[in-house]
Amino acid sequence: MLNDYTVKPEKGKIYIPKIELGSSGIFKIIGSSFMENPLHFYEPLFEWIGEFMKSGKAIELHLLPDYYNTSSAKCVDRLIRTLKSYKDTGNQAKVFWYYEENDSDNLDDGEDYQALVDIPFEIISFQGKEYPISIA
């Protein structure tokens, strides 16, 4: 059985997102991602997801990005495309994209990703800094 995968950045490392990949199929990525080498950071996440996908369980990906750089955006793109491939093999996958109500850039990004793939994709707005999802 696969254990949950979590990343909780050390205090002061605001450029690393909080990540919780649950063996239940609920995946959450919250916060900023603008480290120097995102592929190095995200590779273990991709490996874990690859192992998880062997289970055939449904996946819900909850993304709540504050800010992310171009290199991190490529990793998000890869993640969403991986879920699309998973769905294309007959499995269930859905993406939830959260953005702060006045953040038109994040809304635009969510809409761009939504248009990019044929996968159930919900874009959800929220007000203020009270995030609608959290990581334990």
C-alpha atoms as a PDB file:
ATOM      1  CA  MET A   1       0.000   0.000   0.000  1.00  0.00           C
ATOM      2  CA  LEU A   2       1.230   3.472  -0.886  1.00  0.00           C
ATOM      3  CA  ASN A   3       1.772   5.939   1.967  1.00  0.00           C
ATOM      4  CA  ASP A   4       0.590   9.527   1.680  1.00  0.00           C
ATOM      5  CA  TYR A   5       3.091  11.977   0.190  1.00  0.00           C
ATOM      6  CA  THR A   6       3.411  15.329   1.937  1.00  0.00           C
ATOM      7  CA  VAL A   7       5.605  18.395   1.665  1.00  0.00           C
ATOM      8  CA  LYS A   8       5.443  21.053   4.347  1.00  0.00           C
ATOM      9  CA  PRO A   9       8.024  23.743   3.659  1.00  0.00           C
ATOM     10  CA  GLU A  10      10.272  24.951   6.416  1.00  0.00           C
ATOM     11  CA  LYS A  11       9.356  28.299   7.916  1.00  0.00           C
ATOM     12  CA  GLY A  12      10.489  31.122   5.659  1.00  0.00           C
ATOM     13  CA  LYS A  13      10.587  29.040   2.480  1.00  0.00           C
ATOM     14  CA  ILE A  14       7.659  30.822   0.852  1.00  0.00           C
ATOM     15  CA  TYR A  15       8.685  29.631  -2.618  1.00  0.00           C
ATOM     16  CA  ILE A  16       7.751  25.998  -1.910  1.00  0.00           C
ATOM     17  CA  PRO A  17       4.089  24.893  -1.980  1.00  0.00           C
ATOM     18  CA  LYS A  18       2.402  22.699   0.587  1.00  0.00           C
ATOM     19  CA  ILE A  19       1.597  19.337  -0.956  1.00  0.00           C
ATOM     20  CA  GLU A  20      -0.564  16.480   0.238  1.00  0.00           C
ATOM     21  CA  LEU A  21      -1.094  13.477  -2.000  1.00  0.00           C
ATOM     22  CA  GLY A  22      -3.472  11.133  -0.226  1.00  0.00           C
ATOM     23  CA  SER A  23      -3.651   7.426  -0.882  1.00  0.00           C
ATOM     24  CA  SER A  24      -7.412   8.060  -1.001  1.00  0.00           C
ATOM     25  CA  GLY A  25      -6.929   9.890  -4.315  1.00  0.00           C
ATOM     26  CA  ILE A  26      -7.324  13.422  -2.959  1.00  0.00           C
ATOM     27  CA  PHE A  27      -4.301  15.481  -4.048  1.00  0.00           C
ATOM     28  CA  LYS A  28      -3.734  19.071  -2.833  1.00  0.00           C
ATOM     29  CA  ILE A  29      -1.128  21.636  -3.846  1.00  0.00           C
ATOM     30  CA  ILE A  30      -1.381  24.992  -2.097  1.00  0.00           C
ATOM     31  CA  GLY A  31       0.763  28.102  -2.245  1.00  0.00           C
ATOM     32  CA  SER A  32       3.606  29.577  -4.226  1.00  0.00           C
ATOM     33  CA  SER A  33       6.067  27.683  -6.369  1.00  0.00           C
ATOM     34  CA  PHE A  34       9.044  29.630  -7.624  1.00  0.00           C
ATOM     35  CA  MET A  35      12.072  27.637  -6.617  1.00  0.00           C
ATOM     36  CA  GLU A  36      15.182  27.598  -8.813  1.00  0.00           C
ATOM     37  CA  ASN A  37      14.755  24.038 -10.138  1.00  0.00           C
ATOM     38  CA  PRO A  38      11.067  23.020  -9.994  1.00  0.00           C
ATOM     39  CA  LEU A  39      11.560  19.815 -11.976  1.00  0.00           C
ATOM     40  CA  HIS A  40      13.946  18.531  -9.303  1.00  0.00           C
ATOM     41  CA  PHE A  41      11.376  19.443  -6.633  1.00  0.00           C
ATOM     42  CA  TYR A  42       8.359  17.936  -8.441  1.00  0.00           C
ATOM     43  CA  GLU A  43       9.965  14.744  -9.782  1.00  0.00           C
ATOM     44  CA  PRO A  44       9.280  12.697  -6.589  1.00  0.00           C
ATOM     45  CA  LEU A  45       5.655  13.884  -6.769  1.00  0.00           C
ATOM     46  CA  PHE A  46       5.376  12.635 -10.368  1.00  0.00           C
ATOM     47  CA  GLU A  47       6.912   9.300  -9.360  1.00  0.00           C
ATOM     48  CA  TRP A  48       4.455   8.923  -6.463  1.00  0.00           C
ATOM     49  CA  ILE A  49       1.504   9.746  -8.726  1.00  0.00           C
ATOM     50  CA  GLY A  50       2.754   7.213 -11.292  1.00  0.00           C
ATOM     51  CA  GLU A  51       2.707   4.531  -8.595  1.00  0.00           C
ATOM     52  CA  PHE A  52      -0.705   5.660  -7.356  1.00  0.00           C
ATOM     53  CA  MET A  53      -2.202   5.475 -10.845  1.00  0.00           C
ATOM     54  CA  LYS A  54      -1.534   1.723 -10.898  1.00  0.00           C
ATOM     55  CA  SER A  55      -4.351   1.424  -8.325  1.00  0.00           C
ATOM     56  CA  GLY A  56      -7.000   2.659 -10.744  1.00  0.00           C
ATOM     57  CA  LYS A  57      -8.572   4.786  -7.980  1.00  0.00           C
ATOM     58  CA  ALA A  58     -10.292   8.071  -8.815  1.00  0.00           C
ATOM     59  CA  ILE A  59      -8.147  11.204  -8.476  1.00  0.00           C
ATOM     60  CA  GLU A  60      -9.182  14.685  -7.405  1.00  0.00           C
ATOM     61  CA  LEU A  61      -6.469  17.300  -7.859  1.00  0.00           C
ATOM     62  CA  HIS A  62      -7.019  20.493  -5.857  1.00  0.00           C
ATOM     63  CA  LEU A  63      -4.751  23.350  -6.936  1.00  0.00           C
ATOM     64  CA  LEU A  64      -4.614  26.646  -5.089  1.00  0.00           C
ATOM     65  CA  PRO A  65      -1.627  28.553  -6.462  1.00  0.00           C
ATOM     66  CA  ASP A  66      -0.608  31.927  -5.053  1.00  0.00           C
ATOM     67  CA  TYR A  67       2.232  32.607  -7.440  1.00  0.00           C
ATOM     68  CA  TYR A  68       4.328  30.320  -9.609  1.00  0.00           C
ATOM     69  CA  ASN A  69       7.077  30.929 -12.119  1.00  0.00           C
ATOM     70  CA  THR A  70       7.239  29.703 -15.711  1.00  0.00           C
ATOM     71  CA  SER A  71       9.225  26.585 -14.815  1.00  0.00           C
ATOM     72  CA  SER A  72       6.708  25.627 -12.134  1.00  0.00           C
ATOM     73  CA  ALA A  73       3.870  26.270 -14.614  1.00  0.00           C
ATOM     74  CA  LYS A  74       5.430  23.623 -16.866  1.00  0.00           C
ATOM     75  CA  CYS A  75       5.252  21.164 -13.955  1.00  0.00           C
ATOM     76  CA  VAL A  76       1.582  22.039 -13.349  1.00  0.00           C
ATOM     77  CA  ASP A  77       0.957  21.517 -17.066  1.00  0.00           C
ATOM     78  CA  ARG A  78       2.658  18.115 -16.912  1.00  0.00           C
ATOM     79  CA  LEU A  79       0.611  17.153 -13.864  1.00  0.00           C
ATOM     80  CA  ILE A  80      -2.698  18.079 -15.506  1.00  0.00           C
ATOM     81  CA  ARG A  81      -1.738  16.286 -18.739  1.00  0.00           C
ATOM     82  CA  THR A  82      -0.797  13.208 -16.683  1.00  0.00           C
ATOM     83  CA  LEU A  83      -4.308  13.203 -15.202  1.00  0.00           C
ATOM     84  CA  LYS A  84      -5.797  13.576 -18.675  1.00  0.00           C
ATOM     85  CA  SER A  85      -3.850  10.504 -19.822  1.00  0.00           C
ATOM     86  CA  TYR A  86      -5.094   8.659 -16.748  1.00  0.00           C
ATOM     87  CA  LYS A  87      -8.678   9.608 -17.589  1.00  0.00           C
ATOM     88  CA  ASP A  88      -8.161   8.580 -21.224  1.00  0.00           C
ATOM     89  CA  THR A  89      -7.397   5.036 -20.057  1.00  0.00           C
ATOM     90  CA  GLY A  90     -10.834   4.789 -18.425  1.00  0.00           C
ATOM     91  CA  ASN A  91     -10.033   6.088 -14.955  1.00  0.00           C
ATOM     92  CA  GLN A  92     -11.683   8.973 -13.130  1.00  0.00           C
ATOM     93  CA  ALA A  93      -9.818  12.248 -12.672  1.00  0.00           C
ATOM     94  CA  LYS A  94     -10.983  15.764 -11.894  1.00  0.00           C
ATOM     95  CA  VAL A  95      -9.199  19.069 -11.321  1.00  0.00           C
ATOM     96  CA  PHE A  96     -10.314  21.832  -8.959  1.00  0.00           C
ATOM     97  CA  TRP A  97      -8.584  25.195  -9.531  1.00  0.00           C
ATOM     98  CA  TYR A  98      -9.014  27.761  -6.754  1.00  0.00           C
ATOM     99  CA  TYR A  99      -8.301  31.455  -7.158  1.00  0.00           C
ATOM    100  CA  GLU A 100      -8.815  34.531  -5.015  1.00  0.00           C
ATOM    101  CA  GLU A 101     -11.802  36.496  -6.308  1.00  0.00           C
ATOM    102  CA  ASN A 102      -9.811  39.559  -7.431  1.00  0.00           C
ATOM    103  CA  ASP A 103      -6.893  37.600  -8.931  1.00  0.00           C
ATOM    104  CA  SER A 104      -7.681  37.756 -12.643  1.00  0.00           C
ATOM    105  CA  ASP A 105      -4.260  36.322 -13.562  1.00  0.00           C
ATOM    106  CA  ASN A 106      -4.926  33.134 -11.604  1.00  0.00           C
ATOM    107  CA  LEU A 107      -8.426  32.921 -13.058  1.00  0.00           C
ATOM    108  CA  ASP A 108      -6.965  33.268 -16.569  1.00  0.00           C
ATOM    109  CA  ASP A 109      -4.398  30.557 -15.819  1.00  0.00           C
ATOM    110  CA  GLY A 110      -7.107  28.195 -14.595  1.00  0.00           C
ATOM    111  CA  GLU A 111      -9.186  28.862 -17.713  1.00  0.00           C
ATOM    112  CA  ASP A 112      -6.133  28.245 -19.918  1.00  0.00           C
ATOM    113  CA  TYR A 113      -5.464  24.878 -18.274  1.00  0.00           C
ATOM    114  CA  GLN A 114      -9.159  24.009 -18.459  1.00  0.00           C
ATOM    115  CA  ALA A 115      -9.187  24.678 -22.223  1.00  0.00           C
ATOM    116  CA  LEU A 116      -6.003  22.675 -22.681  1.00  0.00           C
ATOM    117  CA  VAL A 117      -7.346  19.273 -21.610  1.00  0.00           C
ATOM    118  CA  ASP A 118     -10.562  17.317 -21.896  1.00  0.00           C
ATOM    119  CA  ILE A 119     -10.983  16.482 -18.229  1.00  0.00           C
ATOM    120  CA  PRO A 120     -13.580  17.522 -15.643  1.00  0.00           C
ATOM    121  CA  PHE A 121     -12.242  20.852 -14.394  1.00  0.00           C
ATOM    122  CA  GLU A 122     -13.879  23.196 -11.878  1.00  0.00           C
ATOM    123  CA  ILE A 123     -12.718  26.756 -11.325  1.00  0.00           C
ATOM    124  CA  ILE A 124     -13.682  28.030  -7.888  1.00  0.00           C
ATOM    125  CA  SER A 125     -13.317  31.574  -6.555  1.00  0.00           C
ATOM    126  CA  PHE A 126     -12.949  32.528  -2.912  1.00  0.00           C
ATOM    127  CA  GLN A 127     -12.672  35.789  -0.986  1.00  0.00           C
ATOM    128  CA  GLY A 128      -9.848  36.904   1.253  1.00  0.00           C
ATOM    129  CA  LYS A 129      -7.025  34.787   2.593  1.00  0.00           C
ATOM    130  CA  GLU A 130      -9.292  32.134   4.115  1.00  0.00           C
ATOM    131  CA  TYR A 131      -8.438  29.277   1.800  1.00  0.00           C
ATOM    132  CA  PRO A 132     -11.327  26.924   0.956  1.00  0.00           C
ATOM    133  CA  ILE A 133      -8.971  23.921   1.200  1.00  0.00           C
ATOM    134  CA  SER A 134      -6.215  23.127   3.655  1.00  0.00           C
ATOM    135  CA  ILE A 135      -3.501  20.647   4.420  1.00  0.00           C
ATOM    136  CA  ALA A 136      -3.407  19.016   7.831  1.00  0.00           C
END
